[in-house]
N, C-alpha and C. Protein backbone atom coordinates (compact mmCIF):
# COMPACT_ATOMS: atom_id res chain seq x y z
N MET A 1 -26.87 -7.79 16.03
CA MET A 1 -26.76 -6.37 16.27
C MET A 1 -25.40 -5.88 15.77
N ARG A 2 -25.39 -4.72 15.17
CA ARG A 2 -24.16 -4.13 14.65
C ARG A 2 -23.31 -3.58 15.80
N SER A 3 -22.02 -3.71 15.64
CA SER A 3 -21.11 -3.22 16.67
C SER A 3 -21.08 -1.69 16.68
N PRO A 4 -21.27 -1.07 17.84
CA PRO A 4 -21.19 0.38 17.92
C PRO A 4 -19.78 0.91 17.58
N GLU A 5 -18.78 0.05 17.66
CA GLU A 5 -17.41 0.47 17.35
C GLU A 5 -17.25 0.89 15.90
N ARG A 6 -18.14 0.40 15.03
CA ARG A 6 -18.06 0.73 13.61
C ARG A 6 -18.21 2.24 13.41
N ILE A 7 -18.96 2.89 14.28
CA ILE A 7 -19.22 4.33 14.14
C ILE A 7 -17.91 5.10 14.24
N GLU A 8 -17.12 4.80 15.25
CA GLU A 8 -15.84 5.49 15.42
C GLU A 8 -14.88 5.16 14.28
N HIS A 9 -14.87 3.91 13.85
CA HIS A 9 -13.98 3.52 12.75
C HIS A 9 -14.31 4.32 11.49
N ILE A 10 -15.59 4.40 11.16
CA ILE A 10 -16.00 5.10 9.94
C ILE A 10 -15.79 6.60 10.07
N THR A 11 -16.14 7.18 11.21
CA THR A 11 -15.97 8.63 11.36
C THR A 11 -14.50 9.03 11.35
N GLN A 12 -13.63 8.17 11.88
CA GLN A 12 -12.20 8.47 11.81
C GLN A 12 -11.70 8.45 10.37
N LEU A 13 -12.18 7.51 9.59
CA LEU A 13 -11.80 7.45 8.18
C LEU A 13 -12.30 8.69 7.44
N LEU A 14 -13.56 9.06 7.70
CA LEU A 14 -14.11 10.27 7.08
C LEU A 14 -13.30 11.50 7.45
N GLU A 15 -12.91 11.59 8.71
CA GLU A 15 -12.10 12.73 9.17
C GLU A 15 -10.78 12.79 8.41
N GLN A 16 -10.13 11.66 8.26
CA GLN A 16 -8.85 11.64 7.54
C GLN A 16 -9.03 12.09 6.09
N ILE A 17 -10.07 11.59 5.46
CA ILE A 17 -10.32 11.95 4.06
C ILE A 17 -10.65 13.43 3.95
N TRP A 18 -11.50 13.93 4.82
CA TRP A 18 -11.93 15.33 4.76
C TRP A 18 -10.76 16.27 5.02
N LYS A 19 -9.88 15.91 5.95
CA LYS A 19 -8.73 16.78 6.25
C LYS A 19 -7.77 16.89 5.07
N LYS A 20 -7.78 15.91 4.18
CA LYS A 20 -6.93 16.00 2.99
C LYS A 20 -7.44 17.04 2.01
N ASP A 21 -8.72 17.37 2.12
CA ASP A 21 -9.32 18.40 1.27
C ASP A 21 -10.30 19.20 2.13
N SER A 22 -9.75 19.91 3.10
CA SER A 22 -10.56 20.57 4.13
C SER A 22 -11.37 21.75 3.60
N ASP A 23 -11.11 22.19 2.37
CA ASP A 23 -11.89 23.27 1.79
C ASP A 23 -13.25 22.76 1.28
N MET A 24 -13.36 21.46 1.15
CA MET A 24 -14.60 20.86 0.65
C MET A 24 -15.68 20.95 1.74
N ARG A 25 -16.90 21.29 1.31
CA ARG A 25 -18.02 21.27 2.24
C ARG A 25 -18.41 19.82 2.53
N PHE A 26 -19.04 19.58 3.68
CA PHE A 26 -19.35 18.22 4.09
C PHE A 26 -20.22 17.49 3.06
N MET A 27 -21.26 18.16 2.57
CA MET A 27 -22.14 17.48 1.62
C MET A 27 -21.44 17.24 0.28
N GLN A 28 -20.48 18.07 -0.07
CA GLN A 28 -19.66 17.80 -1.26
C GLN A 28 -18.88 16.51 -1.04
N LEU A 29 -18.28 16.40 0.14
CA LEU A 29 -17.52 15.20 0.48
C LEU A 29 -18.40 13.96 0.38
N VAL A 30 -19.59 14.03 0.95
CA VAL A 30 -20.52 12.90 0.91
C VAL A 30 -20.84 12.54 -0.53
N TYR A 31 -21.13 13.54 -1.35
CA TYR A 31 -21.48 13.29 -2.75
C TYR A 31 -20.31 12.64 -3.50
N VAL A 32 -19.12 13.18 -3.31
CA VAL A 32 -17.94 12.64 -4.00
C VAL A 32 -17.71 11.18 -3.58
N LEU A 33 -17.82 10.90 -2.29
CA LEU A 33 -17.60 9.54 -1.83
C LEU A 33 -18.70 8.60 -2.34
N GLN A 34 -19.93 9.06 -2.39
CA GLN A 34 -21.00 8.24 -2.95
C GLN A 34 -20.72 7.93 -4.42
N ALA A 35 -20.31 8.95 -5.16
CA ALA A 35 -20.03 8.76 -6.59
C ALA A 35 -18.90 7.75 -6.78
N ARG A 36 -17.83 7.90 -6.00
CA ARG A 36 -16.69 6.98 -6.12
C ARG A 36 -17.08 5.56 -5.73
N PHE A 37 -17.87 5.43 -4.66
CA PHE A 37 -18.33 4.11 -4.23
C PHE A 37 -19.16 3.46 -5.34
N SER A 38 -20.07 4.23 -5.91
CA SER A 38 -20.92 3.73 -6.98
C SER A 38 -20.08 3.29 -8.18
N GLN A 39 -19.13 4.12 -8.58
CA GLN A 39 -18.27 3.79 -9.72
C GLN A 39 -17.47 2.53 -9.47
N ALA A 40 -17.00 2.36 -8.23
CA ALA A 40 -16.19 1.18 -7.89
C ALA A 40 -17.03 -0.09 -7.79
N ASN A 41 -18.35 0.08 -7.77
CA ASN A 41 -19.25 -1.06 -7.60
C ASN A 41 -20.28 -1.14 -8.72
N ASP A 42 -19.80 -1.00 -9.95
CA ASP A 42 -20.63 -1.16 -11.15
C ASP A 42 -21.88 -0.28 -11.18
N GLY A 43 -21.74 0.94 -10.68
CA GLY A 43 -22.84 1.90 -10.73
C GLY A 43 -23.91 1.70 -9.67
N MET A 44 -23.60 0.92 -8.64
CA MET A 44 -24.57 0.66 -7.58
C MET A 44 -25.17 1.96 -7.05
N GLY A 45 -26.49 2.02 -7.00
CA GLY A 45 -27.19 3.15 -6.40
C GLY A 45 -27.30 4.40 -7.23
N ALA A 46 -26.66 4.45 -8.39
CA ALA A 46 -26.70 5.66 -9.22
C ALA A 46 -28.10 5.85 -9.79
N ILE A 47 -28.59 7.07 -9.68
CA ILE A 47 -29.90 7.43 -10.23
C ILE A 47 -29.68 8.64 -11.13
N CYS A 48 -29.94 8.46 -12.43
CA CYS A 48 -29.74 9.53 -13.40
C CYS A 48 -31.07 10.05 -13.88
N ASP A 49 -31.14 11.36 -14.06
CA ASP A 49 -32.36 12.02 -14.49
C ASP A 49 -31.99 13.10 -15.50
N SER A 50 -32.57 13.03 -16.68
CA SER A 50 -32.33 14.06 -17.70
C SER A 50 -33.46 15.07 -17.66
N LYS A 51 -33.10 16.33 -17.66
CA LYS A 51 -34.09 17.40 -17.63
C LYS A 51 -34.22 18.04 -19.00
N VAL A 52 -35.17 18.90 -19.12
CA VAL A 52 -35.45 19.59 -20.38
C VAL A 52 -34.22 20.37 -20.86
N ASP A 53 -33.41 20.85 -19.92
CA ASP A 53 -32.24 21.64 -20.30
C ASP A 53 -31.13 20.80 -20.91
N GLY A 54 -31.31 19.49 -20.94
CA GLY A 54 -30.33 18.61 -21.56
C GLY A 54 -29.26 18.09 -20.62
N PHE A 55 -29.23 18.59 -19.41
CA PHE A 55 -28.24 18.13 -18.45
C PHE A 55 -28.73 16.89 -17.73
N THR A 56 -27.82 15.96 -17.49
CA THR A 56 -28.15 14.77 -16.72
C THR A 56 -27.69 15.00 -15.29
N ARG A 57 -28.58 14.78 -14.37
CA ARG A 57 -28.27 14.91 -12.96
C ARG A 57 -28.16 13.52 -12.37
N THR A 58 -27.15 13.32 -11.54
CA THR A 58 -26.95 12.01 -10.93
C THR A 58 -26.98 12.14 -9.42
N GLY A 59 -27.75 11.29 -8.81
CA GLY A 59 -27.79 11.17 -7.36
C GLY A 59 -27.49 9.72 -7.00
N TYR A 60 -27.44 9.43 -5.71
CA TYR A 60 -27.07 8.09 -5.28
C TYR A 60 -27.98 7.62 -4.15
N ASP A 61 -28.50 6.41 -4.29
CA ASP A 61 -29.30 5.78 -3.25
C ASP A 61 -28.52 4.58 -2.73
N LEU A 62 -27.81 4.80 -1.66
CA LEU A 62 -26.97 3.75 -1.08
C LEU A 62 -27.51 3.31 0.28
N PHE A 63 -28.80 3.45 0.46
CA PHE A 63 -29.48 3.17 1.72
C PHE A 63 -29.18 1.77 2.25
N ASN A 64 -29.11 0.79 1.37
CA ASN A 64 -28.96 -0.61 1.80
C ASN A 64 -27.52 -1.10 1.86
N VAL A 65 -26.56 -0.22 1.66
CA VAL A 65 -25.16 -0.63 1.72
C VAL A 65 -24.77 -0.80 3.20
N GLU A 66 -24.16 -1.93 3.49
CA GLU A 66 -23.75 -2.21 4.87
C GLU A 66 -22.52 -1.40 5.26
N ASP A 67 -22.42 -1.10 6.54
CA ASP A 67 -21.33 -0.27 7.04
C ASP A 67 -19.96 -0.89 6.80
N ASP A 68 -19.86 -2.21 6.87
CA ASP A 68 -18.56 -2.84 6.63
C ASP A 68 -18.09 -2.63 5.20
N GLN A 69 -19.04 -2.56 4.25
CA GLN A 69 -18.67 -2.27 2.86
C GLN A 69 -18.14 -0.83 2.74
N ILE A 70 -18.80 0.09 3.41
CA ILE A 70 -18.37 1.49 3.37
C ILE A 70 -17.02 1.64 4.05
N GLU A 71 -16.84 0.98 5.18
CA GLU A 71 -15.56 1.06 5.88
C GLU A 71 -14.42 0.55 5.00
N CYS A 72 -14.63 -0.57 4.35
CA CYS A 72 -13.64 -1.14 3.44
C CYS A 72 -13.35 -0.17 2.30
N PHE A 73 -14.40 0.39 1.71
CA PHE A 73 -14.24 1.36 0.63
C PHE A 73 -13.43 2.57 1.08
N LEU A 74 -13.74 3.11 2.25
CA LEU A 74 -13.04 4.30 2.75
C LEU A 74 -11.55 4.00 2.97
N LYS A 75 -11.25 2.82 3.47
CA LYS A 75 -9.84 2.43 3.65
C LYS A 75 -9.14 2.36 2.30
N GLU A 76 -9.80 1.77 1.32
CA GLU A 76 -9.22 1.70 -0.03
C GLU A 76 -9.07 3.10 -0.62
N TYR A 77 -10.05 3.93 -0.41
CA TYR A 77 -10.01 5.31 -0.91
C TYR A 77 -8.80 6.06 -0.32
N LEU A 78 -8.59 5.90 0.97
CA LEU A 78 -7.42 6.53 1.61
C LEU A 78 -6.13 5.98 1.03
N GLY A 79 -6.08 4.70 0.75
CA GLY A 79 -4.89 4.09 0.16
C GLY A 79 -4.61 4.64 -1.22
N GLU A 80 -5.66 4.84 -2.00
CA GLU A 80 -5.51 5.41 -3.34
C GLU A 80 -5.02 6.85 -3.26
N GLU A 81 -5.55 7.59 -2.31
CA GLU A 81 -5.17 8.99 -2.13
C GLU A 81 -3.68 9.08 -1.76
N ALA A 82 -3.24 8.15 -0.91
CA ALA A 82 -1.84 8.16 -0.48
C ALA A 82 -0.90 7.84 -1.64
N GLU A 83 -1.35 6.94 -2.53
CA GLU A 83 -0.54 6.57 -3.69
C GLU A 83 -0.52 7.64 -4.75
N GLY A 84 -1.67 8.32 -4.89
CA GLY A 84 -1.82 9.30 -5.97
C GLY A 84 -1.37 10.62 -5.55
């Protein structure tokens, strides 16, 4: 069974990240973090679709990613933000 403590750990990390760019809407934040996670993991979960208009749309299916992987990624993301 997964530890319920992971929920608070992850939500606290999300809060820290979101407060750094508080003008961002929540779903924008989710999309940006999914994109960054995918990029950092060789395109994991990226789904690209080209439409008639010539634009490629990208979404992310990260359903099977474990919470500990996300927690680690969010910590690294915060570290990068602090450095940059």
